Amino acid sequence: MPRVLLTGFGPFGSHEINPTESIVSTFPTILPIKNPFGPGSSEVSIEKRILSVDQQGSIWTAKELELREWDAILHLGLCGECTRPRLELLAEDKLDMRIPDNSGRQLTGVVLSGNGDQASPLPIKKWGIDEWPIEVELSKDAGRFICNETYFRTLEALENHKFAIPCLFLHLPKTEFFSQQDATTLIRQLLAHMLYKPLIRVAAGIFTSEEGFLAMRRGDDEPKPGKWEFPGGTIEANETPEQAVVRELDEELGIEANIVKKAGVWHHNYPFIHVEIHGYIVESSNMDALQLQVHSEMKWISSVEDLTLDWLEADIPIVNDLLKSIH
């Protein structure tokens, strides 16, 4: 049975009531979860913990990760000035406390590690949050108080231990703006998306010639910069893979491509997503007009030595299959 850690905090500062304390305390310990991306469901075991509003509370989860793991971690905190929930995408490498914590500690302008901010690796943009029944704001400002410190220390520990455990921080408003029932519904929805992987369908174009097949190196401003791949991209809703590969090659390379044949379908599991790649052998009559829009370099691949390039993990099986076909 998957195990989830759900944490909240007690009162602090001028807030005599912290709704996350009650939400966590009354949350069910066994929770049925449905796969939001397809068929399937499971029961989930919920471990609940109320963290102290001080340094000991902020590092508790990170310390526990030295001894054990969970399948997902969701931290809850109070945002006193918010009127709707905020899902934090980033924990800053900084503390700047406007008030003391419950131990009397008040630090301003203090760097937590010096290694930079910690961002959530989860594919939240693929979750369709805009269509959820409860409105959620995506935020990159976790507050620079105990909430930010807790989130930072947990993400830092996950990175240090190389644990692919989904972790998020959810800031909740006071109960006058957001009921406990709505909070419970939102937490259920978040946990379902954290525990199941979305399927990302991708279309890739494979240009071939006597020199081999064409690969591209991702630009520095792209996700996974510097990785080698086949040009292409995500298949949009109501779009066929064939339509997607033609559109993507126009957007990325500025050329009109024609499909010769389908090369195959490949699957790859990343820590938080499942990728399905539809590969097509393509050609173009205006290759001389090719311009790299999102890539920094291109190369004709023809030998196993080219496998030493830093490939996207999902593309490596395609490279292997193509090399077998030309040797």
Protein backbone atom coordinates (compact mmCIF):
# COMPACT_ATOMS: atom_id res chain seq x y z
CA MET A 1 0.00 0.00 0.00
CA PRO A 2 1.46 3.42 -0.94
CA ARG A 3 2.44 5.55 2.05
CA VAL A 4 2.01 9.33 2.20
CA LEU A 5 3.33 11.81 4.72
CA LEU A 6 0.88 14.67 5.36
CA THR A 7 2.08 17.48 7.62
CA GLY A 8 0.61 20.65 9.09
CA PHE A 9 1.59 23.25 11.69
CA GLY A 10 0.26 24.55 14.97
CA PRO A 11 -0.58 28.19 15.79
CA PHE A 12 2.12 30.85 15.44
CA GLY A 13 2.49 34.61 15.78
CA SER A 14 -0.89 36.33 15.88
CA HIS A 15 -2.65 33.28 14.42
CA GLU A 16 -4.31 31.59 17.38
CA ILE A 17 -5.72 28.91 15.07
CA ASN A 18 -3.85 27.19 12.28
CA PRO A 19 -6.39 25.36 10.10
CA THR A 20 -3.76 22.93 8.83
CA GLU A 21 -3.53 21.42 12.32
CA SER A 22 -7.20 20.42 12.29
CA ILE A 23 -7.14 19.40 8.62
CA VAL A 24 -4.24 17.02 9.16
CA SER A 25 -5.49 15.68 12.48
CA THR A 26 -8.94 14.77 11.10
CA PHE A 27 -7.73 13.52 7.70
CA PRO A 28 -8.44 9.79 7.12
CA THR A 29 -5.56 7.39 7.71
CA ILE A 30 -6.62 5.14 4.82
CA LEU A 31 -7.63 6.91 1.64
CA PRO A 32 -8.97 5.46 -1.63
CA ILE A 33 -7.30 7.14 -4.60
CA LYS A 34 -8.34 6.99 -8.26
CA ASN A 35 -5.86 7.41 -11.08
CA PRO A 36 -6.67 10.85 -12.56
CA PHE A 37 -4.83 10.02 -15.80
CA GLY A 38 -6.47 6.71 -16.68
CA PRO A 39 -7.88 3.47 -15.26
CA GLY A 40 -6.84 2.17 -11.87
CA SER A 41 -7.20 2.95 -8.18
CA SER A 42 -5.60 2.04 -4.88
CA GLU A 43 -5.80 2.59 -1.17
CA VAL A 44 -3.21 4.89 0.41
CA SER A 45 -1.91 4.92 3.96
CA ILE A 46 -1.64 8.44 5.40
CA GLU A 47 0.94 9.22 8.08
CA LYS A 48 0.01 12.49 9.79
CA ARG A 49 2.36 14.84 11.58
CA ILE A 50 1.93 18.28 13.15
CA LEU A 51 5.26 20.06 12.89
CA SER A 52 6.48 22.61 15.42
CA VAL A 53 6.79 26.15 14.08
CA ASP A 54 10.54 26.38 14.55
CA GLN A 55 13.78 24.98 13.18
CA GLN A 56 13.16 21.54 14.68
CA GLY A 57 9.85 21.33 12.85
CA SER A 58 11.34 22.54 9.59
CA ILE A 59 14.01 19.82 9.50
CA TRP A 60 11.90 16.95 10.91
CA THR A 61 10.97 15.48 7.52
CA ALA A 62 14.52 15.82 6.18
CA LYS A 63 15.87 13.99 9.25
CA GLU A 64 13.30 11.22 8.88
CA LEU A 65 14.33 10.73 5.24
CA GLU A 66 17.70 9.56 6.54
CA LEU A 67 15.90 6.56 8.02
CA ARG A 68 12.84 5.88 5.86
CA GLU A 69 10.89 6.86 2.76
CA TRP A 70 7.34 7.63 1.71
CA ASP A 71 5.67 7.40 -1.69
CA ALA A 72 4.64 11.07 -1.52
CA ILE A 73 5.07 14.02 0.84
CA LEU A 74 2.57 16.87 1.12
CA HIS A 75 3.27 19.76 3.48
CA LEU A 76 0.43 22.10 4.46
CA GLY A 77 0.85 25.61 5.83
CA LEU A 78 -1.23 28.67 6.63
CA CYS A 79 -1.07 31.72 4.39
CA GLY A 80 -2.65 34.46 6.50
CA GLU A 81 -3.06 36.96 3.66
CA CYS A 82 -4.33 34.49 1.03
CA THR A 83 -7.95 34.12 -0.01
CA ARG A 84 -7.41 30.97 -2.10
CA PRO A 85 -5.03 27.99 -1.92
CA ARG A 86 -1.50 28.38 -3.26
CA LEU A 87 0.55 25.50 -4.57
CA GLU A 88 4.21 26.31 -4.09
CA LEU A 89 6.53 25.43 -6.99
CA LEU A 90 9.72 26.78 -5.41
CA ALA A 91 11.49 26.91 -2.05
CA GLU A 92 13.95 29.77 -1.76
CA ASP A 93 17.44 29.28 -0.36
CA LYS A 94 16.77 32.09 2.07
CA LEU A 95 15.10 32.99 5.36
CA ASP A 96 13.76 36.48 5.98
CA MET A 97 11.50 36.27 9.03
CA ARG A 98 9.17 39.19 9.70
CA ILE A 99 8.24 37.66 13.08
CA PRO A 100 9.98 35.22 15.43
CA ASP A 101 9.15 31.52 15.17
CA ASN A 102 7.72 29.72 18.20
CA SER A 103 11.20 29.21 19.65
CA GLY A 104 11.93 32.95 19.48
CA ARG A 105 14.28 32.61 16.52
CA GLN A 106 14.10 35.49 14.01
CA LEU A 107 16.56 35.44 11.13
CA THR A 108 16.70 37.98 8.31
CA GLY A 109 18.60 37.70 5.05
CA VAL A 110 20.04 34.30 6.00
CA VAL A 111 21.00 31.78 3.31
CA LEU A 112 19.88 28.24 4.08
CA SER A 113 22.50 26.29 2.13
CA GLY A 114 24.16 28.46 -0.52
CA ASN A 115 23.37 25.91 -3.22
CA GLY A 116 20.46 27.79 -4.74
CA ASP A 117 16.67 27.53 -4.67
CA GLN A 118 14.89 24.17 -4.76
CA ALA A 119 12.17 23.72 -7.39
CA SER A 120 9.57 20.98 -7.43
CA PRO A 121 10.34 18.49 -10.26
CA LEU A 122 6.69 17.47 -10.62
CA PRO A 123 4.99 18.04 -14.01
CA ILE A 124 2.31 20.27 -12.50
CA LYS A 125 1.57 22.00 -15.80
CA LYS A 126 0.48 18.61 -17.16
CA TRP A 127 -2.12 18.19 -14.41
CA GLY A 128 -4.80 20.43 -15.94
CA ILE A 129 -5.17 22.44 -12.73
CA ASP A 130 -7.16 25.14 -14.56
CA GLU A 131 -9.95 22.58 -14.96
CA TRP A 132 -10.05 21.48 -11.30
CA PRO A 133 -13.30 22.27 -9.44
CA ILE A 134 -11.36 24.14 -6.73
CA GLU A 135 -9.31 27.11 -7.90
CA VAL A 136 -5.62 26.86 -7.03
CA GLU A 137 -2.95 29.53 -7.53
CA LEU A 138 0.52 28.42 -8.62
CA SER A 139 3.14 30.31 -6.63
CA LYS A 140 6.92 30.69 -6.54
CA ASP A 141 6.94 32.54 -3.21
CA ALA A 142 6.68 30.20 -0.23
CA GLY A 143 7.18 33.08 2.21
CA ARG A 144 10.77 32.87 3.58
CA PHE A 145 9.44 31.76 6.98
CA ILE A 146 9.05 28.26 8.45
CA CYS A 147 6.93 27.05 5.53
CA ASN A 148 9.66 27.92 3.05
CA GLU A 149 12.36 26.48 5.34
CA THR A 150 10.44 23.20 5.71
CA TYR A 151 9.84 22.87 1.98
CA PHE A 152 13.47 23.71 1.20
CA ARG A 153 14.89 21.22 3.69
CA THR A 154 12.64 18.42 2.43
CA LEU A 155 13.42 19.03 -1.26
CA GLU A 156 17.11 19.34 -0.42
CA ALA A 157 17.08 16.01 1.41
CA LEU A 158 15.27 14.30 -1.46
CA GLU A 159 17.89 15.62 -3.87
CA ASN A 160 20.79 14.61 -1.63
CA HIS A 161 19.44 11.08 -1.19
CA LYS A 162 18.47 10.89 -4.89
CA PHE A 163 14.93 9.91 -3.89
CA ALA A 164 12.33 10.27 -6.66
CA ILE A 165 9.57 11.01 -4.16
CA PRO A 166 6.91 13.56 -5.18
CA CYS A 167 6.82 16.44 -2.71
CA LEU A 168 4.73 19.61 -2.64
CA PHE A 169 3.82 22.44 -0.29
CA LEU A 170 0.23 23.68 -0.22
CA HIS A 171 -0.55 27.01 1.42
CA LEU A 172 -4.13 27.28 2.66
CA PRO A 173 -6.09 30.43 3.59
CA LYS A 174 -7.91 30.93 6.88
CA THR A 175 -11.13 28.94 7.26
CA GLU A 176 -13.24 32.08 6.68
CA PHE A 177 -12.01 32.02 3.07
CA PHE A 178 -11.59 28.27 2.52
CA SER A 179 -13.51 25.53 4.32
CA GLN A 180 -11.98 22.40 5.79
CA GLN A 181 -14.19 20.33 3.50
CA ASP A 182 -12.80 22.07 0.40
CA ALA A 183 -9.28 21.65 1.79
CA THR A 184 -9.82 17.90 2.22
CA THR A 185 -11.18 17.62 -1.34
CA LEU A 186 -8.19 19.53 -2.73
CA ILE A 187 -5.70 17.41 -0.79
CA ARG A 188 -7.29 14.23 -2.14
CA GLN A 189 -6.98 15.57 -5.67
CA LEU A 190 -3.36 16.61 -5.18
CA LEU A 191 -2.37 13.23 -3.73
CA ALA A 192 -3.96 11.41 -6.66
CA HIS A 193 -1.91 13.48 -9.11
CA MET A 194 1.26 13.02 -7.05
CA LEU A 195 0.93 9.24 -6.81
CA TYR A 196 0.05 8.53 -10.44
CA LYS A 197 2.04 9.53 -13.51
CA PRO A 198 0.52 11.48 -16.38
CA LEU A 199 0.99 10.06 -19.88
CA ILE A 200 2.75 12.51 -22.18
CA ARG A 201 2.33 11.68 -25.87
CA VAL A 202 5.11 13.00 -28.09
CA ALA A 203 5.66 13.05 -31.86
CA ALA A 204 9.25 12.93 -33.16
CA GLY A 205 10.60 13.47 -36.67
CA ILE A 206 13.49 11.33 -37.94
CA PHE A 207 15.34 12.67 -40.97
CA THR A 208 17.47 10.04 -42.72
CA SER A 209 20.17 10.17 -45.40
CA GLU A 210 23.30 8.33 -46.49
CA GLU A 211 24.97 10.02 -43.51
CA GLY A 212 22.62 8.39 -41.01
CA PHE A 213 19.82 10.14 -39.12
CA LEU A 214 19.56 13.68 -37.79
CA ALA A 215 19.69 14.53 -34.07
CA MET A 216 19.40 17.88 -32.32
CA ARG A 217 20.97 19.27 -29.15
CA ARG A 218 18.59 21.16 -26.85
CA GLY A 219 19.30 24.84 -26.31
CA ASP A 220 20.38 26.28 -22.97
CA ASP A 221 16.96 27.84 -22.33
CA GLU A 222 15.07 24.57 -22.84
CA PRO A 223 14.15 21.93 -20.24
CA LYS A 224 17.00 19.42 -19.90
CA PRO A 225 19.41 21.77 -21.69
CA GLY A 226 22.22 20.22 -23.71
CA LYS A 227 20.50 16.86 -24.15
CA TRP A 228 20.45 15.29 -27.62
CA GLU A 229 17.09 14.29 -29.06
CA PHE A 230 14.96 13.98 -32.16
CA PRO A 231 13.05 17.14 -33.10
CA GLY A 232 9.39 17.10 -32.17
CA GLY A 233 7.17 17.76 -29.21
CA THR A 234 3.96 17.15 -27.31
CA ILE A 235 0.86 15.99 -29.16
CA GLU A 236 -1.83 18.53 -28.36
CA ALA A 237 -5.44 17.70 -27.51
CA ASN A 238 -7.55 16.84 -30.57
CA GLU A 239 -4.36 16.47 -32.66
CA THR A 240 -3.13 13.30 -34.35
CA PRO A 241 0.53 12.27 -33.98
CA GLU A 242 0.97 12.90 -37.72
CA GLN A 243 -0.38 16.44 -37.42
CA ALA A 244 1.79 17.05 -34.37
CA VAL A 245 5.08 16.02 -35.98
CA VAL A 246 4.47 18.27 -39.01
CA ARG A 247 3.53 21.21 -36.77
CA GLU A 248 6.48 20.72 -34.40
CA LEU A 249 9.04 20.52 -37.21
CA ASP A 250 7.67 23.74 -38.66
CA GLU A 251 7.90 25.45 -35.25
CA GLU A 252 11.32 24.08 -34.28
CA LEU A 253 13.10 24.00 -37.64
CA GLY A 254 11.10 26.33 -39.88
CA ILE A 255 10.59 23.72 -42.59
CA GLU A 256 7.64 21.90 -44.11
CA ALA A 257 8.04 18.18 -43.54
CA ASN A 258 6.40 15.24 -45.26
CA ILE A 259 5.85 11.92 -43.53
CA VAL A 260 7.42 8.94 -45.30
CA LYS A 261 6.32 6.27 -42.83
CA LYS A 262 5.84 5.56 -39.15
CA ALA A 263 9.02 4.24 -37.52
CA GLY A 264 7.40 2.97 -34.34
CA VAL A 265 6.15 3.79 -30.87
CA TRP A 266 8.46 3.82 -27.86
CA HIS A 267 7.68 4.13 -24.14
CA HIS A 268 9.79 5.46 -21.30
CA ASN A 269 9.13 5.92 -17.59
CA TYR A 270 10.65 9.01 -15.98
CA PRO A 271 10.32 9.45 -12.19
CA PHE A 272 7.14 11.53 -12.47
CA ILE A 273 5.81 11.05 -16.03
CA HIS A 274 5.34 8.30 -18.60
CA VAL A 275 6.34 9.26 -22.15
CA GLU A 276 4.92 7.67 -25.29
CA ILE A 277 6.93 8.63 -28.39
CA HIS A 278 5.48 8.28 -31.88
CA GLY A 279 8.43 8.35 -34.29
CA TYR A 280 8.12 9.13 -38.00
CA ILE A 281 10.60 8.95 -40.85
CA VAL A 282 10.22 12.36 -42.49
CA GLU A 283 11.67 14.32 -45.39
CA SER A 284 11.57 17.90 -46.61
CA SER A 285 12.21 19.57 -49.94
CA ASN A 286 13.52 22.72 -48.24
CA MET A 287 16.17 21.38 -45.85
CA ASP A 288 18.44 24.25 -46.92
CA ALA A 289 16.01 26.60 -45.15
CA LEU A 290 16.33 24.71 -41.85
CA GLN A 291 16.85 27.06 -38.89
CA LEU A 292 17.37 25.94 -35.30
CA GLN A 293 14.78 27.69 -33.14
CA VAL A 294 15.03 25.79 -29.83
CA HIS A 295 18.15 23.70 -30.47
CA SER A 296 21.79 24.79 -30.38
CA GLU A 297 23.36 22.15 -32.62
CA MET A 298 22.54 19.29 -34.99
CA LYS A 299 24.47 16.18 -36.02
CA TRP A 300 24.11 13.24 -38.37
CA ILE A 301 24.21 10.01 -36.35
CA SER A 302 25.65 6.92 -37.99
CA SER A 303 27.63 4.79 -35.51
CA VAL A 304 27.46 3.33 -32.03
CA GLU A 305 30.09 5.86 -30.96
CA ASP A 306 27.34 8.47 -31.18
CA LEU A 307 25.60 6.76 -28.28
CA THR A 308 28.17 8.46 -26.06
CA LEU A 309 26.36 11.75 -26.68
CA ASP A 310 24.27 12.99 -23.77
CA TRP A 311 20.89 11.75 -25.04
CA LEU A 312 17.46 12.24 -23.54
CA GLU A 313 16.80 8.96 -21.75
CA ALA A 314 13.53 8.42 -23.64
CA ASP A 315 15.29 8.70 -27.02
CA ILE A 316 18.05 6.15 -26.38
CA PRO A 317 15.94 3.09 -27.38
CA ILE A 318 15.04 4.87 -30.64
CA VAL A 319 18.73 5.52 -31.37
CA ASN A 320 19.57 1.87 -30.70
CA ASP A 321 16.82 0.64 -33.02
CA LEU A 322 17.82 3.05 -35.79
CA LEU A 323 21.49 2.08 -35.55
CA LYS A 324 20.55 -1.59 -35.87
CA SER A 325 18.58 -0.81 -39.01
CA ILE A 326 21.51 0.87 -40.78
CA HIS A 327 24.22 -1.66 -39.84
